Amino acid sequence: MSVNSVPEFTPFERKCIELMQGGPRSHAQLCFRSALLHLEKARQLLEHDPAMAVFRGITAEEEAASGLMRCLQDLNYDGAERLNPHNHTHKHAVFQFIRIVGLFFRECKDTLPETKLRLLNKEAGVRLVIELMLPNGMSAMSEMPLHFSVKERETKEWVSFDSQIRRFEVAQRAGTVKAFLKAEANRRNEILYASSSALPAVVRDGGGFIAERQRRVIVMLYAYLMICPYSEHQLFVSYSLAQFLELLCRLGGRHNQGGN
């Protein structure tokens, strides 16, 4: 991907964006709308001021993560009050945790049916759902897309994402999730401020960087659209939040701290 190349949103992504924008106004929704504005500004700045474009891209990801955290708080999920939408480490941890959960499901792909996201017209309005593609041309979907459990067959205990976290750490070559997130959160400082030995770093592939942040915003938007419309707490959301809070505990920081 060239330095000035950022893909346009796909038609499906645009429909999901429109669904979010047409939904109830809330702090969470405004965060996602802000994320999209930052991505738009990043595109405009990319050619003439790539450092500021990258800064906008980072901010877009953080705003989307804040929106997802505020959504969980608005719905009063257990433990959501411990999330801090102002904490950079918390914000950068959100998408990475989604990646870890995605790794778990990718490792199960040989035993799971193919899935796809669909926008479905329901009595309560348009909803983003997960469709399971079954044999013989059949499909299945839950009334609430994330209202399911994933348990060990023998023990009936919820699965743990510990092995996926360890593989994530190896893949990122950061040693620990804590080290990786610290580096991610510090990226804005590296592009804005001089160090004791060098000027601010220049991101060579600015277009690729913005494209990746755009992808992250869209992934978190999908999660938001599958959580926000349902006042009932969905099982997999509740469990994932508990696992996410455990991950934050590993980082060694207090959940209620603010700022950096």
Protein backbone atom coordinates (compact mmCIF):
# COMPACT_ATOMS: atom_id res chain seq x y z
CA MET A 1 0.00 0.00 0.00
CA SER A 2 1.44 3.38 -0.99
CA VAL A 3 2.00 6.17 1.47
CA ASN A 4 -1.13 8.00 0.32
CA SER A 5 -3.36 4.98 -0.16
CA VAL A 6 -6.20 4.44 2.31
CA PRO A 7 -9.07 2.23 1.11
CA GLU A 8 -12.58 3.63 1.05
CA PHE A 9 -15.20 2.12 3.32
CA THR A 10 -16.96 -0.84 1.73
CA PRO A 11 -20.72 -0.61 1.06
CA PHE A 12 -21.37 -2.90 4.04
CA GLU A 13 -19.18 -0.77 6.31
CA ARG A 14 -21.01 2.36 5.17
CA LYS A 15 -24.36 0.77 6.01
CA CYS A 16 -23.06 -0.07 9.49
CA ILE A 17 -21.82 3.49 9.92
CA GLU A 18 -25.23 4.81 8.90
CA LEU A 19 -26.90 2.43 11.36
CA MET A 20 -24.72 3.78 14.17
CA GLN A 21 -25.28 7.41 13.17
CA GLY A 22 -29.03 6.88 13.05
CA GLY A 23 -29.13 5.29 16.49
CA PRO A 24 -29.85 6.89 19.87
CA ARG A 25 -27.59 9.82 20.73
CA SER A 26 -25.30 8.99 23.63
CA HIS A 27 -21.73 9.59 24.75
CA ALA A 28 -20.81 6.20 23.30
CA GLN A 29 -22.34 7.03 19.92
CA LEU A 30 -20.63 10.44 19.87
CA CYS A 31 -17.29 8.72 20.47
CA PHE A 32 -17.77 6.60 17.35
CA ARG A 33 -18.85 9.61 15.33
CA SER A 34 -15.74 11.42 16.57
CA ALA A 35 -13.59 8.44 15.54
CA LEU A 36 -14.94 8.70 11.99
CA LEU A 37 -14.25 12.44 11.90
CA HIS A 38 -10.65 11.81 12.96
CA LEU A 39 -10.26 9.24 10.17
CA GLU A 40 -11.61 11.76 7.66
CA LYS A 41 -9.15 14.40 8.90
CA ALA A 42 -6.35 11.84 8.73
CA ARG A 43 -7.07 11.25 5.04
CA GLN A 44 -7.00 14.98 4.36
CA LEU A 45 -3.71 15.50 6.23
CA LEU A 46 -1.86 12.44 4.97
CA GLU A 47 -0.14 14.01 1.99
CA HIS A 48 0.87 17.33 3.58
CA ASP A 49 1.33 16.47 7.26
CA PRO A 50 1.71 12.70 7.75
CA ALA A 51 2.65 13.05 11.43
CA MET A 52 -0.63 14.79 12.22
CA ALA A 53 -2.48 12.27 10.05
CA VAL A 54 -1.04 9.45 12.12
CA PHE A 55 -1.95 11.33 15.30
CA ARG A 56 -5.53 11.59 14.05
CA GLY A 57 -5.51 7.86 13.26
CA ILE A 58 -4.37 6.99 16.77
CA THR A 59 -7.04 9.25 18.23
CA ALA A 60 -9.70 7.60 16.04
CA GLU A 61 -8.84 4.19 17.49
CA GLU A 62 -8.91 5.58 21.03
CA GLU A 63 -12.29 7.24 20.48
CA ALA A 64 -13.80 4.00 19.17
CA ALA A 65 -12.43 2.11 22.16
CA SER A 66 -13.87 4.77 24.48
CA GLY A 67 -17.22 4.39 22.75
CA LEU A 68 -17.25 0.64 23.30
CA MET A 69 -16.33 1.04 26.97
CA ARG A 70 -19.01 3.70 27.50
CA CYS A 71 -21.57 1.46 25.81
CA LEU A 72 -20.85 -1.31 28.34
CA GLN A 73 -21.12 1.22 31.16
CA ASP A 74 -24.41 2.60 29.83
CA LEU A 75 -25.83 -0.94 29.82
CA ASN A 76 -24.53 -1.56 33.38
CA TYR A 77 -22.53 -4.68 32.57
CA ASP A 78 -20.92 -6.10 35.71
CA GLY A 79 -17.46 -4.60 36.16
CA ALA A 80 -17.90 -1.97 33.44
CA GLU A 81 -17.55 0.78 36.03
CA ARG A 82 -13.90 -0.28 36.36
CA LEU A 83 -13.19 0.66 32.74
CA ASN A 84 -11.59 4.05 32.24
CA PRO A 85 -12.28 5.65 28.84
CA HIS A 86 -9.71 8.35 29.69
CA ASN A 87 -6.86 5.90 30.25
CA HIS A 88 -4.65 5.39 27.19
CA THR A 89 -3.65 1.88 28.22
CA HIS A 90 -7.29 0.84 28.63
CA LYS A 91 -8.14 2.33 25.24
CA HIS A 92 -5.28 0.63 23.42
CA ALA A 93 -6.06 -2.67 25.14
CA VAL A 94 -9.60 -2.87 23.73
CA PHE A 95 -8.79 -3.72 20.12
CA GLN A 96 -5.89 -5.96 21.12
CA PHE A 97 -8.22 -7.96 23.35
CA ILE A 98 -10.65 -8.29 20.44
CA ARG A 99 -7.72 -9.65 18.40
CA ILE A 100 -7.01 -12.19 21.13
CA VAL A 101 -10.64 -13.34 21.14
CA GLY A 102 -10.55 -13.50 17.35
CA LEU A 103 -7.45 -15.69 17.54
CA PHE A 104 -9.37 -18.13 19.74
CA PHE A 105 -12.18 -18.45 17.21
CA ARG A 106 -9.78 -18.73 14.27
CA GLU A 107 -8.15 -21.68 16.03
CA CYS A 108 -11.61 -23.29 16.21
CA LYS A 109 -12.46 -22.68 12.56
CA ASP A 110 -12.13 -26.35 11.58
CA THR A 111 -14.88 -27.30 14.06
CA LEU A 112 -17.14 -24.28 13.62
CA PRO A 113 -19.47 -23.47 10.72
CA GLU A 114 -18.59 -20.54 8.49
CA THR A 115 -19.91 -17.24 9.81
CA LYS A 116 -20.74 -13.90 8.22
CA LEU A 117 -22.04 -10.56 9.45
CA ARG A 118 -25.42 -9.48 8.16
CA LEU A 119 -27.69 -6.49 8.58
CA LEU A 120 -31.17 -7.83 9.24
CA ASN A 121 -34.49 -6.01 9.34
CA LYS A 122 -36.19 -6.90 12.61
CA GLU A 123 -39.31 -5.67 14.33
CA ALA A 124 -37.23 -3.38 16.55
CA GLY A 125 -35.25 -2.05 13.57
CA VAL A 126 -32.14 -2.99 11.61
CA ARG A 127 -29.72 -5.15 13.61
CA LEU A 128 -26.19 -6.42 12.95
CA VAL A 129 -26.23 -10.19 13.42
CA ILE A 130 -23.89 -13.17 13.09
CA GLU A 131 -25.13 -15.75 10.61
CA LEU A 132 -23.92 -19.35 10.88
CA MET A 133 -23.71 -21.02 7.49
CA LEU A 134 -24.97 -24.59 7.99
CA PRO A 135 -24.87 -27.56 5.59
CA ASN A 136 -27.57 -28.11 2.96
CA GLY A 137 -28.06 -24.40 2.36
CA MET A 138 -29.34 -23.67 5.87
CA SER A 139 -28.28 -20.90 8.21
CA ALA A 140 -28.83 -20.02 11.85
CA MET A 141 -28.58 -16.91 13.99
CA SER A 142 -29.33 -15.93 17.56
CA GLU A 143 -31.94 -13.35 18.50
CA MET A 144 -29.09 -11.54 20.28
CA PRO A 145 -25.82 -12.02 18.35
CA LEU A 146 -23.45 -12.38 21.34
CA HIS A 147 -25.77 -14.22 23.71
CA PHE A 148 -23.92 -17.53 23.78
CA SER A 149 -21.43 -19.38 25.97
CA VAL A 150 -18.19 -21.14 25.05
CA LYS A 151 -17.35 -23.89 27.52
CA GLU A 152 -15.02 -26.86 27.82
CA ARG A 153 -16.82 -30.01 26.76
CA GLU A 154 -15.69 -32.11 29.71
CA THR A 155 -15.61 -29.62 32.59
CA LYS A 156 -18.38 -27.31 31.37
CA GLU A 157 -16.14 -24.42 32.46
CA TRP A 158 -15.88 -21.27 30.40
CA VAL A 159 -12.87 -21.29 28.10
CA SER A 160 -9.87 -19.19 29.01
CA PHE A 161 -8.02 -16.99 26.54
CA ASP A 162 -4.69 -17.43 28.37
CA SER A 163 -3.05 -19.49 25.62
CA GLN A 164 -4.12 -16.94 22.99
CA ILE A 165 -2.68 -14.13 25.13
CA ARG A 166 0.64 -15.96 25.30
CA ARG A 167 0.67 -16.50 21.53
CA PHE A 168 -0.20 -12.85 21.02
CA GLU A 169 2.80 -11.86 23.15
CA VAL A 170 5.09 -14.10 21.11
CA ALA A 171 3.71 -12.82 17.80
CA GLN A 172 4.19 -9.18 18.81
CA ARG A 173 7.73 -9.86 20.10
CA ALA A 174 7.02 -7.46 22.93
CA GLY A 175 7.63 -9.86 25.80
CA THR A 176 4.32 -9.11 27.49
CA VAL A 177 0.98 -7.52 26.66
CA LYS A 178 1.94 -4.80 29.11
CA ALA A 179 5.10 -3.94 27.15
CA PHE A 180 3.21 -3.99 23.86
CA LEU A 181 0.44 -1.70 25.10
CA LYS A 182 2.96 0.67 26.64
CA ALA A 183 4.66 0.96 23.26
CA GLU A 184 1.31 1.50 21.52
CA ALA A 185 0.24 4.19 23.97
CA ASN A 186 3.62 5.91 23.60
CA ARG A 187 3.43 6.04 19.80
CA ARG A 188 1.73 9.46 19.84
CA ASN A 189 4.65 10.87 21.84
CA GLU A 190 7.17 9.44 19.37
CA ILE A 191 5.58 11.25 16.43
CA LEU A 192 5.04 14.55 18.24
CA TYR A 193 7.99 15.14 20.55
CA ALA A 194 11.76 15.07 20.24
CA SER A 195 13.64 12.62 22.43
CA SER A 196 17.00 13.32 24.05
CA SER A 197 18.72 12.01 20.94
CA ALA A 198 16.39 12.43 17.97
CA LEU A 199 13.64 14.41 16.32
CA PRO A 200 10.08 13.03 16.26
CA ALA A 201 9.84 9.78 14.30
CA VAL A 202 8.29 9.81 10.83
CA VAL A 203 5.92 6.99 9.89
CA ARG A 204 7.04 5.85 6.44
CA ASP A 205 3.84 4.12 5.36
CA GLY A 206 1.32 6.64 6.63
CA GLY A 207 -1.40 5.29 4.36
CA GLY A 208 -0.96 1.78 5.71
CA PHE A 209 -1.01 3.08 9.26
CA ILE A 210 -4.28 4.98 8.74
CA ALA A 211 -5.81 2.02 6.90
CA GLU A 212 -5.07 -0.23 9.88
CA ARG A 213 -6.63 2.27 12.32
CA GLN A 214 -9.66 2.49 10.05
CA ARG A 215 -9.97 -1.30 10.19
CA ARG A 216 -9.75 -1.23 13.98
CA VAL A 217 -12.45 1.42 14.24
CA ILE A 218 -14.75 -0.67 12.03
CA VAL A 219 -14.17 -3.83 14.07
CA MET A 220 -15.03 -1.98 17.28
CA LEU A 221 -18.06 -0.44 15.54
CA TYR A 222 -19.28 -3.96 14.72
CA ALA A 223 -18.94 -4.92 18.39
CA TYR A 224 -20.81 -1.77 19.43
CA LEU A 225 -23.68 -2.50 17.04
CA MET A 226 -24.03 -6.03 18.40
CA ILE A 227 -24.09 -4.84 22.02
CA CYS A 228 -25.76 -1.42 22.11
CA PRO A 229 -29.36 -2.30 21.11
CA TYR A 230 -29.86 -4.94 23.82
CA SER A 231 -30.65 -4.02 27.41
CA GLU A 232 -30.36 -7.68 28.43
CA HIS A 233 -26.79 -8.67 29.21
CA GLN A 234 -25.41 -11.04 26.59
CA LEU A 235 -23.47 -14.00 27.97
CA PHE A 236 -20.38 -13.75 25.79
CA VAL A 237 -20.13 -10.00 26.33
CA SER A 238 -20.27 -10.44 30.11
CA TYR A 239 -17.60 -13.15 30.07
CA SER A 240 -15.34 -11.25 27.67
CA LEU A 241 -15.56 -8.15 29.86
CA ALA A 242 -14.55 -10.21 32.91
CA GLN A 243 -11.57 -11.59 30.97
CA PHE A 244 -10.64 -8.10 29.77
CA LEU A 245 -10.65 -6.79 33.34
CA GLU A 246 -8.36 -9.67 34.34
CA LEU A 247 -6.02 -8.65 31.54
CA LEU A 248 -6.00 -5.08 32.85
CA CYS A 249 -5.08 -6.44 36.28
CA ARG A 250 -2.05 -8.12 34.70
CA LEU A 251 -0.95 -4.72 33.47
CA GLY A 252 -0.54 -3.70 37.09
CA GLY A 253 -2.46 -0.44 36.90
CA ARG A 254 -5.40 0.75 38.95
CA HIS A 255 -8.63 0.60 36.94
CA ASN A 256 -9.70 4.07 37.97
CA GLN A 257 -6.55 5.95 37.07
CA GLY A 258 -6.84 8.63 34.45
CA GLY A 259 -4.70 10.17 31.77
CA ASN A 260 -1.68 8.26 30.49
